[in-house]
């Protein structure tokens, strides 16, 4: 989506700040730490009253919110509930904001951005389009909410199924069966644009079971084809922010910088930094060999580094010398899932012990990966 193009400079600047070190916590301490981070994150980034949203403007300019942030918020909030935090009211407030900012009452995809205008959060122009990554997280969070709290008081189940129907109709490439970037992607070129962090096979298999719709099984299988091919492209196993994917056999073609969003379109930037988390999410859900091999290949590369820094070329060259939590936290989570103890300890020492202020993307990824 368009977020990182807008906020990239802010995120990078935040990455220059000094990072407090921490030792790798025990399992019990991890749970406590995750819920503490969630509380700190809420205080720093959550706005609104009866309808809550995540402030993504990093403390400067007009208040903005993103469907991506709403997806993270809803996911983090229901995951916090699974760790014993009383978050049901908060989840419902995030859910209410999502409902208030759908593309329309008949198309329950979320508008990708809102800006505070005259005291109200509203979308204009292209902000009214959707972004697939946010919608996928919202749908999955609604499924988790249904499983956690049931759907008698609030019908999470119906909302999840309606959203998944809309995603299937408006945000899937009908040839590759891979996710597009949003409902705005309608031309043959735009529908071929693939955000590699959207290859959430575990989600897609969950959607298939939940809806009993075989389309999602096909999406999961095609996503695994893409993951396997992406992993094989480089010795490092690293995925770029974006790639072009065409045909039923999933033919992949590299993109040049600034083709889609930013200078890192063909690198591991502020989109693909989420790939280790997304792959690890999938592996936790289904333990398949394609995900395992792709993730282990990436973790083997990262384990050779003295520290994880921000942005890499696909060949493995560090583009910058500073660290950024948006890169470290997903790798830390993946190392934990795959039981790579040395890498888990190394990355844990890089993570802040308290939530970073004025750094929405990094702070939010730290919270959601800590709770996952």
Protein backbone atom coordinates (compact mmCIF):
# COMPACT_ATOMS: atom_id res chain seq x y z
CA UNK A 1 0.00 0.00 0.00
CA UNK A 2 0.97 3.66 -0.15
CA UNK A 3 1.89 3.96 3.55
CA UNK A 4 5.61 3.29 3.42
CA UNK A 5 6.14 5.64 0.51
CA UNK A 6 4.74 8.40 2.70
CA UNK A 7 6.29 7.42 6.01
CA UNK A 8 9.59 5.86 4.93
CA UNK A 9 11.66 8.89 5.91
CA UNK A 10 10.03 9.09 9.33
CA UNK A 11 10.57 5.41 9.99
CA UNK A 12 14.22 5.56 8.95
CA UNK A 13 14.91 8.60 11.11
CA UNK A 14 13.34 6.83 14.07
CA UNK A 15 15.67 3.91 13.41
CA UNK A 16 18.67 6.16 14.09
CA UNK A 17 17.69 6.55 17.72
CA UNK A 18 19.64 4.66 20.36
CA UNK A 19 18.23 1.23 21.11
CA UNK A 20 18.11 -0.07 24.68
CA UNK A 21 19.38 -3.62 24.99
CA UNK A 22 17.62 -6.46 26.70
CA UNK A 23 18.43 -10.06 27.46
CA UNK A 24 16.38 -12.85 25.94
CA UNK A 25 13.43 -13.31 28.31
CA UNK A 26 11.98 -16.54 29.60
CA UNK A 27 8.67 -17.80 28.26
CA UNK A 28 6.76 -16.39 31.25
CA UNK A 29 8.61 -13.10 31.03
CA UNK A 30 7.85 -12.96 27.30
CA UNK A 31 4.11 -13.13 27.98
CA UNK A 32 4.35 -10.43 30.65
CA UNK A 33 6.60 -8.32 28.45
CA UNK A 34 4.25 -8.65 25.47
CA UNK A 35 1.20 -7.49 27.43
CA UNK A 36 3.19 -4.63 28.99
CA UNK A 37 4.31 -3.54 25.53
CA UNK A 38 0.69 -3.71 24.38
CA UNK A 39 -0.40 -1.37 27.21
CA UNK A 40 2.42 1.06 26.40
CA UNK A 41 1.59 0.92 22.69
CA UNK A 42 -2.09 1.67 23.37
CA UNK A 43 -1.16 4.75 25.38
CA UNK A 44 1.23 6.01 22.72
CA UNK A 45 -0.66 5.29 19.52
CA UNK A 46 -4.36 4.61 20.02
CA UNK A 47 -6.80 7.46 19.42
CA UNK A 48 -10.59 7.78 19.41
CA UNK A 49 -13.26 7.08 22.02
CA UNK A 50 -16.17 4.85 21.04
CA UNK A 51 -14.34 4.17 17.77
CA UNK A 52 -10.61 3.52 18.28
CA UNK A 53 -7.87 3.73 15.66
CA UNK A 54 -4.06 3.71 15.49
CA UNK A 55 -2.36 7.05 14.90
CA UNK A 56 0.18 6.52 12.13
CA UNK A 57 1.45 10.08 11.64
CA UNK A 58 4.31 9.70 14.15
CA UNK A 59 3.40 12.83 16.09
CA UNK A 60 3.71 15.33 13.23
CA UNK A 61 1.12 16.90 10.98
CA UNK A 62 -2.55 15.93 10.84
CA UNK A 63 -3.62 12.76 12.62
CA UNK A 64 -3.83 9.85 10.17
CA UNK A 65 -4.95 6.25 10.46
CA UNK A 66 -4.45 3.30 8.10
CA UNK A 67 -6.33 0.09 7.40
CA UNK A 68 -2.97 -1.64 7.87
CA UNK A 69 -2.76 -0.21 11.40
CA UNK A 70 -6.36 -1.18 12.09
CA UNK A 71 -5.57 -4.76 11.10
CA UNK A 72 -2.53 -4.83 13.38
CA UNK A 73 -4.55 -3.29 16.21
CA UNK A 74 -7.41 -5.77 15.97
CA UNK A 75 -4.96 -8.68 15.72
CA UNK A 76 -2.85 -7.46 18.67
CA UNK A 77 -5.95 -6.83 20.79
CA UNK A 78 -7.44 -10.30 20.36
CA UNK A 79 -3.98 -11.88 20.85
CA UNK A 80 -3.63 -9.90 24.10
CA UNK A 81 -6.99 -11.33 25.18
CA UNK A 82 -5.63 -14.82 24.60
CA UNK A 83 -2.84 -13.93 27.05
CA UNK A 84 -5.37 -12.92 29.71
CA UNK A 85 -5.77 -9.19 29.15
CA UNK A 86 -9.34 -7.87 29.32
CA UNK A 87 -9.50 -6.35 25.83
CA UNK A 88 -12.95 -7.22 24.51
CA UNK A 89 -14.31 -3.67 24.82
CA UNK A 90 -11.21 -2.29 23.11
CA UNK A 91 -11.51 -4.82 20.30
CA UNK A 92 -15.13 -3.80 19.76
CA UNK A 93 -14.06 -0.15 19.59
CA UNK A 94 -11.46 -0.99 16.93
CA UNK A 95 -14.11 -3.02 15.12
CA UNK A 96 -16.55 -0.09 15.26
CA UNK A 97 -13.96 2.19 13.63
CA UNK A 98 -13.36 -0.37 10.88
CA UNK A 99 -17.12 -0.57 10.22
CA UNK A 100 -17.38 3.23 10.07
CA UNK A 101 -14.63 3.39 7.43
CA UNK A 102 -15.55 0.63 5.02
CA UNK A 103 -15.50 1.35 1.30
CA UNK A 104 -19.30 1.12 1.49
CA UNK A 105 -21.97 -0.75 3.42
CA UNK A 106 -22.08 -3.29 0.59
CA UNK A 107 -18.28 -3.50 0.13
CA UNK A 108 -16.81 -4.11 3.61
CA UNK A 109 -13.17 -3.62 2.60
CA UNK A 110 -11.64 -0.85 4.70
CA UNK A 111 -10.65 2.49 3.19
CA UNK A 112 -6.87 2.50 3.35
CA UNK A 113 -6.33 5.91 4.99
CA UNK A 114 -8.20 8.47 7.10
CA UNK A 115 -7.07 11.98 8.03
CA UNK A 116 -8.49 14.15 10.81
CA UNK A 117 -10.40 17.00 9.19
CA UNK A 118 -12.50 19.39 11.28
CA UNK A 119 -12.25 17.01 14.21
CA UNK A 120 -13.41 13.93 12.26
CA UNK A 121 -11.47 11.05 10.72
CA UNK A 122 -12.44 11.00 7.04
CA UNK A 123 -11.18 9.63 3.71
CA UNK A 124 -11.10 11.54 0.42
CA UNK A 125 -10.03 10.66 -3.13
CA UNK A 126 -7.68 7.70 -3.35
CA UNK A 127 -7.82 7.29 0.43
CA UNK A 128 -11.19 5.65 -0.17
CA UNK A 129 -9.52 2.70 -1.92
CA UNK A 130 -8.61 -0.44 0.00
CA UNK A 131 -5.28 -2.08 0.88
CA UNK A 132 -5.27 -5.87 0.91
CA UNK A 133 -2.82 -6.40 3.77
CA UNK A 134 -5.02 -4.48 6.21
CA UNK A 135 -8.14 -6.33 5.10
CA UNK A 136 -6.48 -9.74 5.52
CA UNK A 137 -5.43 -8.96 9.11
CA UNK A 138 -8.88 -7.57 9.95
CA UNK A 139 -10.54 -10.71 8.60
CA UNK A 140 -8.20 -13.00 10.54
CA UNK A 141 -8.66 -10.94 13.73
CA UNK A 142 -12.45 -11.25 13.38
CA UNK A 143 -12.12 -15.03 13.10
CA UNK A 144 -9.97 -15.11 16.25
CA UNK A 145 -12.51 -12.87 18.02
CA UNK A 146 -15.33 -15.25 17.05
CA UNK A 147 -13.34 -18.18 18.43
CA UNK A 148 -12.42 -16.28 21.62
CA UNK A 149 -15.72 -14.54 22.49
CA UNK A 150 -18.36 -16.03 20.21
CA UNK A 151 -20.67 -13.99 17.97
CA UNK A 152 -23.81 -13.55 20.07
CA UNK A 153 -23.15 -10.01 21.32
CA UNK A 154 -21.25 -8.85 18.24
CA UNK A 155 -21.51 -10.94 15.09
CA UNK A 156 -17.80 -11.30 14.30
CA UNK A 157 -18.51 -14.43 12.25
CA UNK A 158 -20.85 -12.70 9.82
CA UNK A 159 -18.49 -9.73 9.53
CA UNK A 160 -15.51 -12.00 8.81
CA UNK A 161 -17.39 -13.94 6.13
CA UNK A 162 -18.68 -10.78 4.43
CA UNK A 163 -15.18 -9.28 4.43
CA UNK A 164 -13.66 -12.47 3.02
CA UNK A 165 -16.28 -12.50 0.24
CA UNK A 166 -15.29 -8.93 -0.63
CA UNK A 167 -11.57 -9.72 -0.54
CA UNK A 168 -12.14 -12.71 -2.84
CA UNK A 169 -14.10 -10.55 -5.29
CA UNK A 170 -12.10 -7.31 -5.16
CA UNK A 171 -8.55 -8.11 -3.99
CA UNK A 172 -7.54 -11.35 -5.70
CA UNK A 173 -5.87 -11.73 -9.10
CA UNK A 174 -8.31 -14.04 -10.86
CA UNK A 175 -5.53 -15.62 -12.95
CA UNK A 176 -2.75 -16.19 -10.40
CA UNK A 177 -5.10 -16.38 -7.39
CA UNK A 178 -2.59 -14.28 -5.46
CA UNK A 179 -3.59 -11.18 -3.48
CA UNK A 180 -3.44 -7.86 -5.30
CA UNK A 181 -2.46 -4.65 -3.51
CA UNK A 182 -6.03 -3.37 -3.19
CA UNK A 183 -9.39 -2.92 -4.90
CA UNK A 184 -7.85 -0.21 -7.10
CA UNK A 185 -5.70 -2.80 -8.90
CA UNK A 186 -7.83 -3.59 -11.94
CA UNK A 187 -5.55 -3.30 -14.99
CA UNK A 188 -3.57 -6.37 -16.12
CA UNK A 189 -0.38 -4.67 -14.94
CA UNK A 190 -1.69 -3.52 -11.56
CA UNK A 191 -3.16 -6.93 -10.69
CA UNK A 192 0.27 -8.50 -11.31
CA UNK A 193 1.88 -6.38 -8.58
CA UNK A 194 2.54 -8.61 -5.60
CA UNK A 195 3.49 -7.41 -2.11
CA UNK A 196 5.51 -10.43 -0.96
CA UNK A 197 4.50 -9.93 2.69
CA UNK A 198 0.90 -10.68 1.63
CA UNK A 199 1.69 -14.36 0.98
CA UNK A 200 -0.06 -15.40 4.21
CA UNK A 201 -0.69 -19.07 3.45
CA UNK A 202 -1.69 -19.86 7.03
CA UNK A 203 -4.40 -17.20 6.86
CA UNK A 204 -5.67 -18.51 3.53
CA UNK A 205 -5.95 -22.08 4.83
CA UNK A 206 -7.74 -20.75 7.93
CA UNK A 207 -10.14 -18.84 5.65
CA UNK A 208 -10.79 -22.03 3.64
CA UNK A 209 -11.71 -24.00 6.77
CA UNK A 210 -13.79 -21.15 8.21
CA UNK A 211 -15.82 -20.44 5.08
CA UNK A 212 -15.71 -23.92 3.51
CA UNK A 213 -14.83 -22.07 0.28
CA UNK A 214 -12.30 -23.95 -1.88
CA UNK A 215 -11.17 -20.69 -3.50
CA UNK A 216 -9.09 -20.01 -0.40
CA UNK A 217 -7.46 -23.45 -0.70
CA UNK A 218 -6.42 -22.46 -4.23
CA UNK A 219 -5.10 -19.10 -2.95
CA UNK A 220 -3.07 -20.97 -0.30
CA UNK A 221 -1.61 -23.40 -2.86
CA UNK A 222 -0.70 -20.63 -5.30
CA UNK A 223 0.86 -18.62 -2.48
CA UNK A 224 3.05 -21.60 -1.61
CA UNK A 225 4.15 -21.82 -5.25
CA UNK A 226 5.12 -18.15 -5.10
CA UNK A 227 6.95 -18.59 -1.76
CA UNK A 228 8.94 -21.53 -3.12
CA UNK A 229 9.90 -19.64 -6.29
CA UNK A 230 10.80 -16.46 -4.41
CA UNK A 231 12.99 -18.43 -2.01
CA UNK A 232 14.85 -20.09 -4.88
CA UNK A 233 15.66 -16.81 -6.65
CA UNK A 234 18.49 -15.82 -4.31
CA UNK A 235 21.18 -17.62 -2.30
CA UNK A 236 20.05 -15.55 0.68
CA UNK A 237 16.41 -16.60 0.25
CA UNK A 238 15.39 -12.95 0.74
CA UNK A 239 12.16 -11.59 -0.75
CA UNK A 240 11.86 -8.09 -2.27
CA UNK A 241 9.19 -5.61 -1.20
CA UNK A 242 7.38 -6.20 -4.49
CA UNK A 243 7.51 -8.45 -7.52
CA UNK A 244 5.36 -8.96 -10.60
CA UNK A 245 3.49 -12.29 -10.74
CA UNK A 246 1.62 -13.46 -13.84
CA UNK A 247 -0.06 -16.58 -15.21
CA UNK A 248 -1.55 -19.63 -13.56
CA UNK A 249 1.96 -21.09 -13.19
CA UNK A 250 3.10 -17.96 -11.25
CA UNK A 251 5.80 -16.43 -13.43
CA UNK A 252 7.83 -13.93 -11.39
CA UNK A 253 9.49 -10.81 -12.78
CA UNK A 254 11.61 -8.35 -10.82
CA UNK A 255 10.67 -4.68 -10.57
CA UNK A 256 12.96 -1.65 -10.62
CA UNK A 257 13.22 0.86 -7.76
CA UNK A 258 10.33 3.37 -7.63
CA UNK A 259 8.23 1.20 -9.97
CA UNK A 260 5.55 0.64 -7.34
CA UNK A 261 6.24 2.51 -4.13
CA UNK A 262 9.81 3.48 -3.21
CA UNK A 263 13.54 3.02 -3.68
CA UNK A 264 13.33 -0.39 -1.98
CA UNK A 265 10.78 -1.95 -4.35
CA UNK A 266 13.42 -4.50 -5.40
CA UNK A 267 15.03 -4.82 -1.95
CA UNK A 268 14.13 -6.03 1.55
CA UNK A 269 12.57 -2.74 2.63
CA UNK A 270 9.71 -1.58 4.83
CA UNK A 271 7.26 -3.99 3.19
CA UNK A 272 9.31 -7.19 2.97
CA UNK A 273 10.72 -6.67 6.48
CA UNK A 274 7.47 -8.36 7.56
CA UNK A 275 8.09 -11.54 5.54
CA UNK A 276 9.83 -13.52 8.36
CA UNK A 277 6.84 -12.78 10.63
CA UNK A 278 4.31 -13.75 7.96
CA UNK A 279 6.13 -16.99 7.15
CA UNK A 280 6.44 -17.81 10.85
CA UNK A 281 2.72 -17.09 11.33
CA UNK A 282 2.02 -19.63 8.61
CA UNK A 283 4.41 -22.21 10.06
CA UNK A 284 2.77 -21.93 13.48
CA UNK A 285 -0.58 -22.64 11.85
CA UNK A 286 0.35 -25.48 9.50
CA UNK A 287 4.00 -26.66 9.85
CA UNK A 288 4.53 -27.27 6.11
CA UNK A 289 7.87 -27.93 4.41
CA UNK A 290 7.68 -25.06 1.88
CA UNK A 291 7.32 -22.46 4.61
CA UNK A 292 9.90 -24.19 6.82
CA UNK A 293 12.52 -24.28 4.06
CA UNK A 294 11.92 -20.68 2.96
CA UNK A 295 12.03 -19.37 6.51
CA UNK A 296 15.09 -21.37 7.55
CA UNK A 297 16.95 -20.14 4.47
CA UNK A 298 16.30 -16.52 5.46
CA UNK A 299 17.13 -17.10 9.12
CA UNK A 300 20.42 -18.77 8.15
CA UNK A 301 21.33 -15.56 6.32
CA UNK A 302 20.31 -13.30 9.19
CA UNK A 303 22.12 -15.45 11.75
CA UNK A 304 25.42 -14.67 10.01
CA UNK A 305 24.97 -10.96 10.68
CA UNK A 306 26.43 -9.38 13.82
CA UNK A 307 23.28 -7.30 14.06
CA UNK A 308 20.11 -6.87 12.03
CA UNK A 309 20.05 -3.53 10.23
CA UNK A 310 17.44 -1.74 8.11
CA UNK A 311 17.09 -2.67 4.42
CA UNK A 312 19.06 -5.29 2.50
CA UNK A 313 19.69 -5.97 -1.16
CA UNK A 314 18.45 -9.39 -2.27
CA UNK A 315 22.09 -10.47 -2.46
CA UNK A 316 22.41 -9.73 1.24
CA UNK A 317 24.24 -6.41 1.33
CA UNK A 318 23.20 -4.12 4.18
CA UNK A 319 21.96 -0.84 2.68
CA UNK A 320 22.14 1.05 6.00
CA UNK A 321 24.22 0.72 9.18
CA UNK A 322 21.47 1.49 11.70
CA UNK A 323 18.96 -0.87 13.29
CA UNK A 324 15.18 -0.56 13.10
CA UNK A 325 12.66 -2.55 15.10
CA UNK A 326 10.49 -3.10 12.01
CA UNK A 327 13.25 -5.40 10.75
CA UNK A 328 14.42 -6.88 14.05
CA UNK A 329 11.06 -7.82 15.61
CA UNK A 330 9.81 -10.04 12.74
CA UNK A 331 13.14 -11.89 12.66
CA UNK A 332 13.08 -12.31 16.44
CA UNK A 333 9.59 -13.82 16.23
CA UNK A 334 10.58 -16.13 13.38
CA UNK A 335 13.67 -17.28 15.28
CA UNK A 336 11.48 -18.07 18.29
CA UNK A 337 9.00 -20.06 16.19
CA UNK A 338 11.76 -21.99 14.41
CA UNK A 339 13.72 -22.52 17.65
CA UNK A 340 16.84 -20.71 16.42
CA UNK A 341 18.02 -19.86 19.94
CA UNK A 342 21.20 -17.96 19.05
CA UNK A 343 19.40 -15.70 16.59
CA UNK A 344 16.51 -15.22 19.00
CA UNK A 345 18.90 -14.05 21.74
CA UNK A 346 20.86 -11.82 19.38
CA UNK A 347 17.75 -10.07 18.05
CA UNK A 348 16.19 -9.82 21.52
CA UNK A 349 19.18 -7.72 22.60
CA UNK A 350 18.41 -5.27 19.78
CA UNK A 351 14.76 -4.79 20.69
CA UNK A 352 13.69 -1.80 22.81
CA UNK A 353 12.53 -2.66 26.34
CA UNK A 354 9.81 -0.02 26.11
CA UNK A 355 7.69 1.00 23.14
CA UNK A 356 9.30 3.56 20.84
CA UNK A 357 7.44 6.85 20.64
CA UNK A 358 6.64 8.56 17.34
CA UNK A 359 7.51 5.46 15.32
CA UNK A 360 4.16 3.85 14.53
CA UNK A 361 5.27 1.12 12.14
CA UNK A 362 8.21 -0.21 14.18
CA UNK A 363 6.41 0.00 17.53
CA UNK A 364 3.30 -1.71 16.19
CA UNK A 365 5.27 -4.55 14.59
CA UNK A 366 7.10 -5.07 17.90
CA UNK A 367 3.79 -5.38 19.75
CA UNK A 368 2.02 -7.66 17.31
CA UNK A 369 5.01 -10.00 16.92
CA UNK A 370 5.53 -10.11 20.69
CA UNK A 371 1.89 -11.15 21.15
CA UNK A 372 1.82 -13.64 18.24
